[in-house]
Amino acid sequence: MTQTTAESPARRQRAQIKERTLRTDQWWRYPLVTFLIFTAFLVYATWAIFDNSYFVSPYHAPFASPCLATSCPPESRLFGLAPFGDWYTLPPGLLILGLPAGFRFTCYYYRKAYYRGFWLSPPACAVNEPHKKYTGESRFPLILQNVHRYFFYAAIVVGLILAYDAVKALIERPGGLGTWILIANAILINLYTLSCHSCRHITAGRLNHFSKHPIRYRAWGFVSKLNARHSQLALISMFSVMGADLYVRLVAKGIIAFPFA
């Protein structure tokens, strides 16, 4: 015979706290700063997509690279190719910006950042959120976050293209300030991509015996060290790509003139 003990009302109910949080520190700074930084980046990216000053030889603005239509300047086309032909006349950034944007939007660091900064879900640890219902990432549209690993493959390609643009600038203008800005940006973008959790898992995350795969183990160790700095690389690379893109456009507009560029 099973004996049951009645629970007291205090045990059955959660503590009723009227205050939104009992924290006394400035917990609101992180979501506020995140909101302001990300909003500024989105505003700039929107402007850059429709700005036509994206190329001045040998510099190519990252937000518009690669250029894949005949409407692009011949020197700006990737390997001289224009697979989209004459029919595409919209800004080149619209063709490719969705790939790195999708990678960042589904990134684990960015999810945490904009969930807190934009949706207040939650705004900080131990702070009550305004939403009455929580479904996590199990429903549309947040269930689409699961495609992050596929955006990772696209981000690798984009990172390699930015590296190609930087090397091309180094060959044609080795002493240019813009060359080194593009090189620094390419390095940071690729480090951020390689520090991704998906990259760490793909490298050797599914192995049962590291001793049988020494090369993959070393690669996993390198990626793991980058992964520990994933959030910092995510934020720094966001500033670097925006800064490099703006610099090229300022040179293309003549605001920054050669031979100093």
Protein backbone atom coordinates (compact mmCIF):
# COMPACT_ATOMS: atom_id res chain seq x y z
CA MET A 1 0.00 0.00 0.00
CA THR A 2 1.42 3.34 -1.06
CA GLN A 3 1.23 6.18 1.40
CA THR A 4 0.91 9.71 0.05
CA THR A 5 1.58 12.89 1.90
CA ALA A 6 -0.39 16.01 1.08
CA GLU A 7 1.75 18.91 -0.03
CA SER A 8 1.35 22.25 1.63
CA PRO A 9 -0.01 25.17 -0.48
CA ALA A 10 3.36 26.95 -0.15
CA ARG A 11 5.11 23.96 -1.70
CA ARG A 12 2.68 23.67 -4.62
CA GLN A 13 2.99 27.32 -5.66
CA ARG A 14 5.93 29.35 -6.86
CA ALA A 15 7.08 32.33 -4.87
CA GLN A 16 5.10 35.41 -5.82
CA ILE A 17 7.52 38.29 -6.40
CA LYS A 18 6.06 41.57 -7.60
CA GLU A 19 9.39 43.03 -8.62
CA ARG A 20 10.65 42.20 -12.10
CA THR A 21 14.02 41.31 -10.63
CA LEU A 22 15.86 41.47 -7.34
CA ARG A 23 19.12 42.37 -9.04
CA THR A 24 20.58 45.71 -7.97
CA ASP A 25 23.37 45.96 -10.59
CA GLN A 26 23.02 47.66 -13.98
CA TRP A 27 21.82 44.51 -15.75
CA TRP A 28 20.06 46.59 -18.43
CA ARG A 29 23.32 47.85 -19.95
CA TYR A 30 24.08 44.70 -21.96
CA PRO A 31 20.71 44.47 -23.77
CA LEU A 32 20.67 48.24 -24.33
CA VAL A 33 24.18 48.40 -25.80
CA THR A 34 23.47 45.30 -27.89
CA PHE A 35 20.31 46.88 -29.26
CA LEU A 36 22.10 50.10 -30.21
CA ILE A 37 25.10 48.37 -31.84
CA PHE A 38 23.04 45.87 -33.83
CA THR A 39 20.58 48.54 -34.93
CA ALA A 40 23.44 50.71 -36.20
CA PHE A 41 24.87 47.73 -38.09
CA LEU A 42 21.50 46.92 -39.69
CA VAL A 43 20.99 50.54 -40.73
CA TYR A 44 24.45 50.67 -42.29
CA ALA A 45 24.02 47.31 -44.04
CA THR A 46 20.70 48.45 -45.53
CA TRP A 47 22.29 51.64 -46.85
CA ALA A 48 25.32 49.78 -48.18
CA ILE A 49 23.20 47.32 -50.17
CA PHE A 50 21.75 50.12 -52.28
CA ASP A 51 24.89 52.24 -52.53
CA ASN A 52 26.63 51.83 -55.89
CA SER A 53 30.08 52.99 -54.75
CA TYR A 54 31.30 49.50 -53.90
CA PHE A 55 34.38 49.15 -56.11
CA VAL A 56 37.48 51.15 -56.89
CA SER A 57 40.38 49.15 -58.27
CA PRO A 58 41.82 47.19 -56.54
CA TYR A 59 39.45 47.52 -53.56
CA HIS A 60 36.12 45.71 -53.39
CA ALA A 61 33.62 46.50 -50.63
CA PRO A 62 32.93 43.30 -48.65
CA PHE A 63 29.15 43.80 -48.60
CA ALA A 64 29.09 43.67 -52.42
CA SER A 65 31.60 40.88 -53.03
CA PRO A 66 31.44 38.85 -55.17
CA CYS A 67 29.84 40.73 -58.04
CA LEU A 68 28.19 38.19 -60.35
CA ALA A 69 26.31 40.18 -63.02
CA THR A 70 27.35 42.02 -66.17
CA SER A 71 26.12 45.26 -64.58
CA CYS A 72 29.16 45.07 -62.30
CA PRO A 73 32.46 46.66 -63.36
CA PRO A 74 34.51 44.02 -65.22
CA GLU A 75 37.39 44.21 -62.73
CA SER A 76 35.03 43.57 -59.81
CA ARG A 77 33.67 40.26 -61.13
CA LEU A 78 34.91 37.12 -59.44
CA PHE A 79 37.46 35.57 -61.82
CA GLY A 80 35.92 37.74 -64.53
CA LEU A 81 32.70 35.70 -64.46
CA ALA A 82 29.15 37.05 -64.59
CA PRO A 83 26.85 34.00 -64.26
CA PHE A 84 23.75 36.12 -63.64
CA GLY A 85 24.16 37.88 -66.98
CA ASP A 86 22.28 40.96 -68.12
CA TRP A 87 18.89 40.27 -66.58
CA TYR A 88 20.04 41.05 -63.04
CA THR A 89 20.28 44.81 -62.53
CA LEU A 90 19.67 45.07 -58.79
CA PRO A 91 22.49 45.85 -56.33
CA PRO A 92 25.06 43.02 -56.17
CA GLY A 93 24.85 42.86 -52.40
CA LEU A 94 21.33 41.46 -52.59
CA LEU A 95 22.68 38.32 -54.26
CA ILE A 96 25.15 37.26 -51.62
CA LEU A 97 24.55 39.26 -48.42
CA GLY A 98 21.91 36.77 -47.27
CA LEU A 99 24.57 34.07 -46.85
CA PRO A 100 26.82 35.77 -44.26
CA ALA A 101 23.76 37.46 -42.76
CA GLY A 102 22.09 34.07 -42.33
CA PHE A 103 25.24 32.69 -40.73
CA ARG A 104 25.38 35.50 -38.20
CA PHE A 105 21.63 35.57 -37.58
CA THR A 106 21.62 31.87 -36.64
CA CYS A 107 24.94 32.01 -34.75
CA TYR A 108 24.74 30.96 -31.09
CA TYR A 109 26.35 34.18 -29.87
CA TYR A 110 24.09 36.41 -31.94
CA ARG A 111 21.00 34.48 -30.84
CA LYS A 112 21.82 35.21 -27.21
CA ALA A 113 22.60 38.83 -28.01
CA TYR A 114 19.52 39.78 -30.03
CA TYR A 115 17.15 37.60 -27.99
CA ARG A 116 18.14 39.75 -25.04
CA GLY A 117 18.57 43.08 -26.82
CA PHE A 118 15.54 43.03 -29.12
CA TRP A 119 13.07 40.49 -27.74
CA LEU A 120 13.93 40.71 -24.02
CA SER A 121 13.81 36.92 -23.89
CA PRO A 122 15.10 37.27 -21.23
CA PRO A 123 16.80 40.68 -21.03
CA ALA A 124 19.29 39.30 -18.46
CA CYS A 125 19.78 36.44 -16.05
CA ALA A 126 17.31 36.45 -13.15
CA VAL A 127 15.22 39.15 -14.84
CA ASN A 128 11.62 38.37 -15.68
CA GLU A 129 10.76 38.67 -19.36
CA PRO A 130 7.55 40.32 -20.59
CA HIS A 131 6.41 37.29 -22.62
CA LYS A 132 3.72 35.14 -21.05
CA LYS A 133 4.46 32.08 -23.19
CA TYR A 134 7.75 30.40 -24.00
CA THR A 135 8.18 27.90 -26.83
CA GLY A 136 11.96 28.10 -27.29
CA GLU A 137 13.11 27.33 -30.84
CA SER A 138 10.59 24.57 -31.46
CA ARG A 139 8.20 26.54 -33.68
CA PHE A 140 8.35 28.73 -36.76
CA PRO A 141 10.21 31.00 -37.32
CA LEU A 142 12.82 30.19 -34.66
CA ILE A 143 12.94 26.54 -35.64
CA LEU A 144 14.82 27.76 -38.73
CA GLN A 145 17.79 28.39 -36.44
CA ASN A 146 18.60 24.71 -37.02
CA VAL A 147 19.92 25.53 -40.52
CA HIS A 148 22.93 27.26 -38.94
CA ARG A 149 25.29 24.44 -39.95
CA TYR A 150 24.36 24.92 -43.61
CA PHE A 151 24.95 28.66 -43.45
CA PHE A 152 28.36 27.74 -42.02
CA TYR A 153 29.33 26.09 -45.32
CA ALA A 154 28.23 29.21 -47.22
CA ALA A 155 30.16 31.42 -44.79
CA ILE A 156 33.35 29.48 -45.56
CA VAL A 157 32.93 30.31 -49.26
CA VAL A 158 32.28 33.98 -48.52
CA GLY A 159 35.33 34.10 -46.23
CA LEU A 160 37.52 32.64 -48.97
CA ILE A 161 36.22 35.22 -51.47
CA LEU A 162 37.05 38.06 -49.07
CA ALA A 163 40.51 36.56 -48.65
CA TYR A 164 40.87 36.45 -52.44
CA ASP A 165 39.88 40.14 -52.66
CA ALA A 166 42.47 40.99 -50.02
CA VAL A 167 45.25 39.05 -51.77
CA LYS A 168 44.33 40.65 -55.09
CA ALA A 169 44.59 44.09 -53.50
CA LEU A 170 47.94 43.11 -51.94
CA ILE A 171 49.33 42.13 -55.35
CA GLU A 172 48.08 45.23 -57.15
CA ARG A 173 48.58 47.77 -54.36
CA PRO A 174 50.87 46.35 -51.65
CA GLY A 175 51.43 49.67 -49.91
CA GLY A 176 47.82 50.81 -49.80
CA LEU A 177 46.07 51.39 -46.50
CA GLY A 178 42.93 49.86 -47.94
CA THR A 179 44.87 46.68 -48.74
CA TRP A 180 45.78 46.12 -45.12
CA ILE A 181 42.29 46.97 -43.96
CA LEU A 182 40.90 44.30 -46.31
CA ILE A 183 43.55 41.80 -45.15
CA ALA A 184 42.74 42.41 -41.48
CA ASN A 185 39.04 42.05 -42.19
CA ALA A 186 39.51 38.81 -44.13
CA ILE A 187 41.53 37.33 -41.27
CA LEU A 188 38.94 38.29 -38.65
CA ILE A 189 36.02 37.07 -40.76
CA ASN A 190 37.66 33.69 -41.32
CA LEU A 191 38.68 33.35 -37.67
CA TYR A 192 35.09 34.06 -36.65
CA THR A 193 33.83 31.46 -39.13
CA LEU A 194 36.30 28.82 -37.93
CA SER A 195 35.44 29.52 -34.28
CA CYS A 196 31.84 28.48 -34.93
CA HIS A 197 30.43 25.65 -32.81
CA SER A 198 29.41 23.83 -35.98
CA CYS A 199 32.99 23.94 -37.23
CA ARG A 200 34.22 22.44 -33.96
CA HIS A 201 31.68 19.64 -34.23
CA ILE A 202 32.42 18.94 -37.89
CA THR A 203 36.18 18.92 -37.30
CA ALA A 204 36.20 16.09 -34.77
CA GLY A 205 33.15 16.40 -32.57
CA ARG A 206 31.75 13.01 -33.56
CA LEU A 207 34.96 11.01 -33.09
CA ASN A 208 35.12 8.40 -30.35
CA HIS A 209 38.90 7.94 -30.42
CA PHE A 210 41.09 10.98 -30.95
CA SER A 211 44.19 8.78 -30.95
CA LYS A 212 43.09 7.21 -34.24
CA HIS A 213 42.70 10.60 -35.92
CA PRO A 214 45.70 12.74 -34.86
CA ILE A 215 45.33 15.31 -37.65
CA ARG A 216 41.66 15.90 -36.96
CA TYR A 217 42.42 16.04 -33.25
CA ARG A 218 44.97 18.82 -33.78
CA ALA A 219 42.50 20.68 -35.98
CA TRP A 220 39.85 20.22 -33.29
CA GLY A 221 42.23 21.60 -30.67
CA PHE A 222 42.91 24.69 -32.79
CA VAL A 223 39.21 25.27 -33.47
CA SER A 224 38.42 24.72 -29.79
CA LYS A 225 40.81 27.52 -28.82
CA LEU A 226 39.09 29.79 -31.32
CA ASN A 227 35.70 28.64 -30.08
CA ALA A 228 36.55 29.93 -26.60
CA ARG A 229 36.79 33.40 -28.19
CA HIS A 230 33.75 32.99 -30.42
CA SER A 231 31.72 35.84 -28.92
CA GLN A 232 34.65 38.28 -29.11
CA LEU A 233 35.44 37.29 -32.71
CA ALA A 234 31.77 37.63 -33.65
CA LEU A 235 31.64 41.21 -32.40
CA ILE A 236 35.08 42.29 -33.62
CA SER A 237 34.52 40.85 -37.10
CA MET A 238 31.20 42.67 -37.31
CA PHE A 239 32.99 45.97 -36.76
CA SER A 240 35.83 45.01 -39.11
CA VAL A 241 33.57 44.11 -42.04
CA MET A 242 31.54 47.28 -41.59
CA GLY A 243 34.70 49.38 -41.29
CA ALA A 244 36.35 47.80 -44.34
CA ASP A 245 33.18 48.19 -46.39
CA LEU A 246 32.79 51.85 -45.42
CA TYR A 247 36.46 52.57 -46.14
CA VAL A 248 36.24 51.20 -49.69
CA ARG A 249 33.09 53.20 -50.35
CA LEU A 250 34.70 56.40 -49.08
CA VAL A 251 37.63 55.80 -51.44
CA ALA A 252 35.25 55.06 -54.32
CA LYS A 253 33.38 58.29 -53.63
CA GLY A 254 36.63 60.29 -53.59
CA ILE A 255 36.24 61.28 -49.94
CA ILE A 256 39.49 59.44 -49.22
CA ALA A 257 41.83 60.03 -52.12
CA PHE A 258 44.75 58.12 -53.57
CA PRO A 259 47.73 57.84 -53.01
CA PHE A 260 46.86 57.81 -49.30
CA ALA A 261 44.13 55.21 -49.59
